[in-house]
PDB file of N, CA and C in Angstrom:
ATOM      1  N   MET A   1       0.817  -1.189   0.000  1.00  0.00           N
ATOM      2  CA  MET A   1       0.000   0.000   0.000  1.00  0.00           C
ATOM      3  C   MET A   1       0.870   1.266   0.000  1.00  0.00           C
ATOM      4  N   GLU A   2       1.906   1.214   0.839  1.00  0.00           N
ATOM      5  CA  GLU A   2       2.795   2.378   0.927  1.00  0.00           C
ATOM      6  C   GLU A   2       3.583   2.577  -0.364  1.00  0.00           C
ATOM      7  N   ARG A   3       3.963   1.488  -0.998  1.00  0.00           N
ATOM      8  CA  ARG A   3       4.705   1.584  -2.257  1.00  0.00           C
ATOM      9  C   ARG A   3       3.839   2.209  -3.348  1.00  0.00           C
ATOM     10  N   GLU A   4       2.559   1.862  -3.345  1.00  0.00           N
ATOM     11  CA  GLU A   4       1.644   2.454  -4.323  1.00  0.00           C
ATOM     12  C   GLU A   4       1.538   3.958  -4.101  1.00  0.00           C
ATOM     13  N   LYS A   5       1.442   4.329  -2.846  1.00  0.00           N
ATOM     14  CA  LYS A   5       1.344   5.754  -2.498  1.00  0.00           C
ATOM     15  C   LYS A   5       2.614   6.487  -2.930  1.00  0.00           C
ATOM     16  N   GLU A   6       3.774   5.872  -2.670  1.00  0.00           N
ATOM     17  CA  GLU A   6       5.042   6.478  -3.074  1.00  0.00           C
ATOM     18  C   GLU A   6       5.123   6.614  -4.593  1.00  0.00           C
ATOM     19  N   ALA A   7       4.669   5.607  -5.310  1.00  0.00           N
ATOM     20  CA  ALA A   7       4.691   5.655  -6.775  1.00  0.00           C
ATOM     21  C   ALA A   7       3.780   6.772  -7.280  1.00  0.00           C
ATOM     22  N   GLN A   8       2.608   6.908  -6.669  1.00  0.00           N
ATOM     23  CA  GLN A   8       1.681   7.978  -7.052  1.00  0.00           C
ATOM     24  C   GLN A   8       2.290   9.348  -6.785  1.00  0.00           C
ATOM     25  N   LEU A   9       2.926   9.479  -5.632  1.00  0.00           N
ATOM     26  CA  LEU A   9       3.547  10.756  -5.283  1.00  0.00           C
ATOM     27  C   LEU A   9       4.705  11.083  -6.227  1.00  0.00           C
ATOM     28  N   ARG A  10       5.500  10.059  -6.600  1.00  0.00           N
ATOM     29  CA  ARG A  10       6.589  10.281  -7.552  1.00  0.00           C
ATOM     30  C   ARG A  10       6.043  10.728  -8.908  1.00  0.00           C
ATOM     31  N   GLU A  11       4.952  10.099  -9.325  1.00  0.00           N
ATOM     32  CA  GLU A  11       4.340  10.464 -10.601  1.00  0.00           C
ATOM     33  C   GLU A  11       3.808  11.898 -10.555  1.00  0.00           C
ATOM     34  N   LYS A  12       3.156  12.244  -9.456  1.00  0.00           N
ATOM     35  CA  LYS A  12       2.647  13.615  -9.312  1.00  0.00           C
ATOM     36  C   LYS A  12       3.796  14.617  -9.283  1.00  0.00           C
ATOM     37  N   ARG A  13       4.877  14.242  -8.606  1.00  0.00           N
ATOM     38  CA  ARG A  13       6.041  15.129  -8.555  1.00  0.00           C
ATOM     39  C   ARG A  13       6.607  15.344  -9.956  1.00  0.00           C
ATOM     40  N   GLY A  14       6.706  14.277 -10.723  1.00  0.00           N
ATOM     41  CA  GLY A  14       7.192  14.390 -12.095  1.00  0.00           C
ATOM     42  C   GLY A  14       6.302  15.301 -12.925  1.00  0.00           C
ATOM     43  N   ASP A  15       4.990  15.135 -12.774  1.00  0.00           N
ATOM     44  CA  ASP A  15       4.052  15.995 -13.504  1.00  0.00           C
ATOM     45  C   ASP A  15       4.216  17.455 -13.098  1.00  0.00           C
ATOM     46  N   LEU A  16       4.396  17.688 -11.808  1.00  0.00           N
ATOM     47  CA  LEU A  16       4.578  19.058 -11.320  1.00  0.00           C
ATOM     48  C   LEU A  16       5.881  19.664 -11.833  1.00  0.00           C
ATOM     49  N   GLU A  17       6.933  18.859 -11.897  1.00  0.00           N
ATOM     50  CA  GLU A  17       8.206  19.363 -12.418  1.00  0.00           C
ATOM     51  C   GLU A  17       8.091  19.729 -13.896  1.00  0.00           C
ATOM     52  N   ILE A  18       7.373  18.915 -14.660  1.00  0.00           N
ATOM     53  CA  ILE A  18       7.164  19.219 -16.080  1.00  0.00           C
ATOM     54  C   ILE A  18       6.358  20.500 -16.221  1.00  0.00           C
ATOM     55  N   SER A  19       5.296  20.625 -15.422  1.00  0.00           N
ATOM     56  CA  SER A  19       4.477  21.843 -15.465  1.00  0.00           C
ATOM     57  C   SER A  19       5.296  23.063 -15.079  1.00  0.00           C
ATOM     58  N   ASN A  20       6.141  22.909 -14.076  1.00  0.00           N
ATOM     59  CA  ASN A  20       6.983  24.014 -13.621  1.00  0.00           C
ATOM     60  C   ASN A  20       7.940  24.457 -14.724  1.00  0.00           C
ATOM     61  N   ARG A  21       8.570  23.498 -15.404  1.00  0.00           N
ATOM     62  CA  ARG A  21       9.472  23.840 -16.505  1.00  0.00           C
ATOM     63  C   ARG A  21       8.719  24.541 -17.635  1.00  0.00           C
ATOM     64  N   SER A  22       7.518  24.063 -17.915  1.00  0.00           N
ATOM     65  CA  SER A  22       6.714  24.697 -18.966  1.00  0.00           C
ATOM     66  C   SER A  22       6.376  26.135 -18.597  1.00  0.00           C
ATOM     67  N   MET A  23       5.999  26.350 -17.343  1.00  0.00           N
ATOM     68  CA  MET A  23       5.666  27.708 -16.907  1.00  0.00           C
ATOM     69  C   MET A  23       6.885  28.615 -16.939  1.00  0.00           C
ATOM     70  N   LEU A  24       8.046  28.091 -16.577  1.00  0.00           N
ATOM     71  CA  LEU A  24       9.268  28.892 -16.637  1.00  0.00           C
ATOM     72  C   LEU A  24       9.611  29.269 -18.070  1.00  0.00           C
ATOM     73  N   THR A  25       9.407  28.346 -18.997  1.00  0.00           N
ATOM     74  CA  THR A  25       9.647  28.637 -20.412  1.00  0.00           C
ATOM     75  C   THR A  25       8.716  29.738 -20.891  1.00  0.00           C
ATOM     76  N   ILE A  26       7.448  29.643 -20.523  1.00  0.00           N
ATOM     77  CA  ILE A  26       6.471  30.667 -20.906  1.00  0.00           C
ATOM     78  C   ILE A  26       6.845  32.007 -20.295  1.00  0.00           C
ATOM     79  N   LEU A  27       7.273  32.002 -19.043  1.00  0.00           N
ATOM     80  CA  LEU A  27       7.669  33.239 -18.371  1.00  0.00           C
ATOM     81  C   LEU A  27       8.862  33.884 -19.066  1.00  0.00           C
ATOM     82  N   LYS A  28       9.844  33.081 -19.453  1.00  0.00           N
ATOM     83  CA  LYS A  28      11.012  33.625 -20.156  1.00  0.00           C
ATOM     84  C   LYS A  28      10.605  34.235 -21.491  1.00  0.00           C
ATOM     85  N   ARG A  29       9.713  33.562 -22.211  1.00  0.00           N
ATOM     86  CA  ARG A  29       9.235  34.107 -23.487  1.00  0.00           C
ATOM     87  C   ARG A  29       8.491  35.414 -23.267  1.00  0.00           C
ATOM     88  N   ASP A  30       7.684  35.448 -22.210  1.00  0.00           N
ATOM     89  CA  ASP A  30       6.929  36.661 -21.901  1.00  0.00           C
ATOM     90  C   ASP A  30       7.867  37.811 -21.558  1.00  0.00           C
ATOM     91  N   GLU A  31       8.898  37.531 -20.766  1.00  0.00           N
ATOM     92  CA  GLU A  31       9.860  38.574 -20.412  1.00  0.00           C
ATOM     93  C   GLU A  31      10.576  39.088 -21.657  1.00  0.00           C
ATOM     94  N   HIS A  32      10.934  38.185 -22.570  1.00  0.00           N
ATOM     95  CA  HIS A  32      11.610  38.577 -23.808  1.00  0.00           C
ATOM     96  C   HIS A  32      10.678  39.439 -24.660  1.00  0.00           C
ATOM     97  N   PHE A  33       9.430  39.021 -24.779  1.00  0.00           N
ATOM     98  CA  PHE A  33       8.454  39.777 -25.560  1.00  0.00           C
ATOM     99  C   PHE A  33       8.224  41.155 -24.949  1.00  0.00           C
ATOM    100  N   THR A  34       8.101  41.223 -23.631  1.00  0.00           N
ATOM    101  CA  THR A  34       7.898  42.498 -22.945  1.00  0.00           C
ATOM    102  C   THR A  34       9.078  43.428 -23.193  1.00  0.00           C
ATOM    103  N   MET A  35      10.280  42.884 -23.173  1.00  0.00           N
ATOM    104  CA  MET A  35      11.466  43.691 -23.435  1.00  0.00           C
ATOM    105  C   MET A  35      11.434  44.225 -24.867  1.00  0.00           C
ATOM    106  N   GLN A  36      11.058  43.367 -25.819  1.00  0.00           N
ATOM    107  CA  GLN A  36      10.993  43.801 -27.213  1.00  0.00           C
ATOM    108  C   GLN A  36       9.958  44.906 -27.396  1.00  0.00           C
ATOM    109  N   VAL A  37       8.814  44.756 -26.764  1.00  0.00           N
ATOM    110  CA  VAL A  37       7.764  45.770 -26.875  1.00  0.00           C
ATOM    111  C   VAL A  37       8.227  47.074 -26.241  1.00  0.00           C
ATOM    112  N   GLY A  38       8.970  46.981 -25.146  1.00  0.00           N
ATOM    113  CA  GLY A  38       9.467  48.180 -24.483  1.00  0.00           C
ATOM    114  C   GLY A  38      10.499  48.927 -25.310  1.00  0.00           C
ATOM    115  N   VAL A  39      11.269  48.203 -26.099  1.00  0.00           N
ATOM    116  CA  VAL A  39      12.323  48.807 -26.909  1.00  0.00           C
ATOM    117  C   VAL A  39      11.779  49.331 -28.241  1.00  0.00           C
ATOM    118  N   ALA A  40      10.704  48.763 -28.722  1.00  0.00           N
ATOM    119  CA  ALA A  40      10.166  49.102 -30.046  1.00  0.00           C
ATOM    120  C   ALA A  40       9.917  50.594 -30.260  1.00  0.00           C
ATOM    121  N   PRO A  41       9.320  51.323 -29.310  1.00  0.00           N
ATOM    122  CA  PRO A  41       9.058  52.746 -29.570  1.00  0.00           C
ATOM    123  C   PRO A  41      10.310  53.553 -29.903  1.00  0.00           C
ATOM    124  N   SER A  42      11.432  53.229 -29.283  1.00  0.00           N
ATOM    125  CA  SER A  42      12.654  53.987 -29.574  1.00  0.00           C
ATOM    126  C   SER A  42      13.099  53.758 -31.019  1.00  0.00           C
ATOM    127  N   PHE A  43      12.901  52.555 -31.536  1.00  0.00           N
ATOM    128  CA  PHE A  43      13.236  52.293 -32.937  1.00  0.00           C
ATOM    129  C   PHE A  43      12.338  53.092 -33.870  1.00  0.00           C
ATOM    130  N   PHE A  44      11.050  53.122 -33.561  1.00  0.00           N
ATOM    131  CA  PHE A  44      10.113  53.852 -34.414  1.00  0.00           C
ATOM    132  C   PHE A  44      10.360  55.359 -34.370  1.00  0.00           C
ATOM    133  N   GLN A  45      10.820  55.862 -33.238  1.00  0.00           N
ATOM    134  CA  GLN A  45      11.054  57.303 -33.115  1.00  0.00           C
ATOM    135  C   GLN A  45      12.280  57.742 -33.908  1.00  0.00           C
ATOM    136  N   ARG A  46      13.241  56.864 -34.087  1.00  0.00           N
ATOM    137  CA  ARG A  46      14.463  57.233 -34.810  1.00  0.00           C
ATOM    138  C   ARG A  46      14.184  57.490 -36.286  1.00  0.00           C
ATOM    139  N   GLU A  47      13.582  56.532 -36.933  1.00  0.00           N
ATOM    140  CA  GLU A  47      13.302  56.643 -38.367  1.00  0.00           C
ATOM    141  C   GLU A  47      11.897  56.102 -38.644  1.00  0.00           C
ATOM    142  N   PRO A  48      10.875  56.862 -38.289  1.00  0.00           N
ATOM    143  CA  PRO A  48       9.517  56.317 -38.414  1.00  0.00           C
ATOM    144  C   PRO A  48       9.133  55.958 -39.844  1.00  0.00           C
ATOM    145  N   GLY A  49       9.554  56.738 -40.815  1.00  0.00           N
ATOM    146  CA  GLY A  49       9.189  56.453 -42.203  1.00  0.00           C
ATOM    147  C   GLY A  49       9.706  55.120 -42.686  1.00  0.00           C
ATOM    148  N   ARG A  50      10.916  54.811 -42.301  1.00  0.00           N
ATOM    149  CA  ARG A  50      11.554  53.555 -42.728  1.00  0.00           C
ATOM    150  C   ARG A  50      10.764  52.347 -42.224  1.00  0.00           C
ATOM    151  N   TYR A  51      10.371  52.394 -40.963  1.00  0.00           N
ATOM    152  CA  TYR A  51       9.660  51.263 -40.385  1.00  0.00           C
ATOM    153  C   TYR A  51       8.221  51.187 -40.879  1.00  0.00           C
ATOM    154  N   LEU A  52       7.596  52.322 -41.088  1.00  0.00           N
ATOM    155  CA  LEU A  52       6.233  52.309 -41.611  1.00  0.00           C
ATOM    156  C   LEU A  52       6.205  51.740 -43.025  1.00  0.00           C
ATOM    157  N   ASN A  53       7.219  52.054 -43.822  1.00  0.00           N
ATOM    158  CA  ASN A  53       7.308  51.480 -45.168  1.00  0.00           C
ATOM    159  C   ASN A  53       7.456  49.959 -45.112  1.00  0.00           C
ATOM    160  N   LYS A  54       8.288  49.485 -44.184  1.00  0.00           N
ATOM    161  CA  LYS A  54       8.471  48.040 -44.044  1.00  0.00           C
ATOM    162  C   LYS A  54       7.178  47.373 -43.599  1.00  0.00           C
ATOM    163  N   LEU A  55       6.474  48.016 -42.663  1.00  0.00           N
ATOM    164  CA  LEU A  55       5.209  47.450 -42.198  1.00  0.00           C
ATOM    165  C   LEU A  55       4.181  47.398 -43.316  1.00  0.00           C
ATOM    166  N   SER A  56       4.132  48.427 -44.129  1.00  0.00           N
ATOM    167  CA  SER A  56       3.172  48.416 -45.234  1.00  0.00           C
ATOM    168  C   SER A  56       3.551  47.349 -46.260  1.00  0.00           C
ATOM    169  N   ASP A  57       4.853  47.148 -46.489  1.00  0.00           N
ATOM    170  CA  ASP A  57       5.291  46.079 -47.398  1.00  0.00           C
ATOM    171  C   ASP A  57       4.849  44.711 -46.880  1.00  0.00           C
ATOM    172  N   ILE A  58       5.004  44.519 -45.585  1.00  0.00           N
ATOM    173  CA  ILE A  58       4.616  43.245 -44.975  1.00  0.00           C
ATOM    174  C   ILE A  58       3.107  43.045 -45.086  1.00  0.00           C
ATOM    175  N   SER A  59       2.340  44.085 -44.810  1.00  0.00           N
ATOM    176  CA  SER A  59       0.882  43.946 -44.852  1.00  0.00           C
ATOM    177  C   SER A  59       0.382  43.702 -46.272  1.00  0.00           C
ATOM    178  N   GLN A  60       1.104  44.200 -47.270  1.00  0.00           N
ATOM    179  CA  GLN A  60       0.696  43.980 -48.660  1.00  0.00           C
ATOM    180  C   GLN A  60       0.969  42.547 -49.104  1.00  0.00           C
ATOM    181  N   LYS A  61       1.967  41.924 -48.502  1.00  0.00           N
ATOM    182  CA  LYS A  61       2.299  40.535 -48.855  1.00  0.00           C
ATOM    183  C   LYS A  61       1.256  39.635 -48.259  1.00  0.00           C
TER     184      LYS A  61
END
Protein backbone atom coordinates (compact mmCIF):
# COMPACT_ATOMS: atom_id res chain seq x y z
CA MET A 1 0.00 0.00 0.00
CA GLU A 2 2.79 2.38 0.93
CA ARG A 3 4.70 1.58 -2.26
CA GLU A 4 1.64 2.45 -4.32
CA LYS A 5 1.34 5.75 -2.50
CA GLU A 6 5.04 6.48 -3.07
CA ALA A 7 4.69 5.66 -6.78
CA GLN A 8 1.68 7.98 -7.05
CA LEU A 9 3.55 10.76 -5.28
CA ARG A 10 6.59 10.28 -7.55
CA GLU A 11 4.34 10.46 -10.60
CA LYS A 12 2.65 13.62 -9.31
CA ARG A 13 6.04 15.13 -8.56
CA GLY A 14 7.19 14.39 -12.10
CA ASP A 15 4.05 16.00 -13.50
CA LEU A 16 4.58 19.06 -11.32
CA GLU A 17 8.21 19.36 -12.42
CA ILE A 18 7.16 19.22 -16.08
CA SER A 19 4.48 21.84 -15.47
CA ASN A 20 6.98 24.01 -13.62
CA ARG A 21 9.47 23.84 -16.51
CA SER A 22 6.71 24.70 -18.97
CA MET A 23 5.67 27.71 -16.91
CA LEU A 24 9.27 28.89 -16.64
CA THR A 25 9.65 28.64 -20.41
CA ILE A 26 6.47 30.67 -20.91
CA LEU A 27 7.67 33.24 -18.37
CA LYS A 28 11.01 33.63 -20.16
CA ARG A 29 9.23 34.11 -23.49
CA ASP A 30 6.93 36.66 -21.90
CA GLU A 31 9.86 38.57 -20.41
CA HIS A 32 11.61 38.58 -23.81
CA PHE A 33 8.45 39.78 -25.56
CA THR A 34 7.90 42.50 -22.94
CA MET A 35 11.47 43.69 -23.43
CA GLN A 36 10.99 43.80 -27.21
CA VAL A 37 7.76 45.77 -26.87
CA GLY A 38 9.47 48.18 -24.48
CA VAL A 39 12.32 48.81 -26.91
CA ALA A 40 10.17 49.10 -30.05
CA PRO A 41 9.06 52.75 -29.57
CA SER A 42 12.65 53.99 -29.57
CA PHE A 43 13.24 52.29 -32.94
CA PHE A 44 10.11 53.85 -34.41
CA GLN A 45 11.05 57.30 -33.12
CA ARG A 46 14.46 57.23 -34.81
CA GLU A 47 13.30 56.64 -38.37
CA PRO A 48 9.52 56.32 -38.41
CA GLY A 49 9.19 56.45 -42.20
CA ARG A 50 11.55 53.55 -42.73
CA TYR A 51 9.66 51.26 -40.39
CA LEU A 52 6.23 52.31 -41.61
CA ASN A 53 7.31 51.48 -45.17
CA LYS A 54 8.47 48.04 -44.04
CA LEU A 55 5.21 47.45 -42.20
CA SER A 56 3.17 48.42 -45.23
CA ASP A 57 5.29 46.08 -47.40
CA ILE A 58 4.62 43.25 -44.97
CA SER A 59 0.88 43.95 -44.85
CA GLN A 60 0.70 43.98 -48.66
CA LYS A 61 2.30 40.53 -48.85
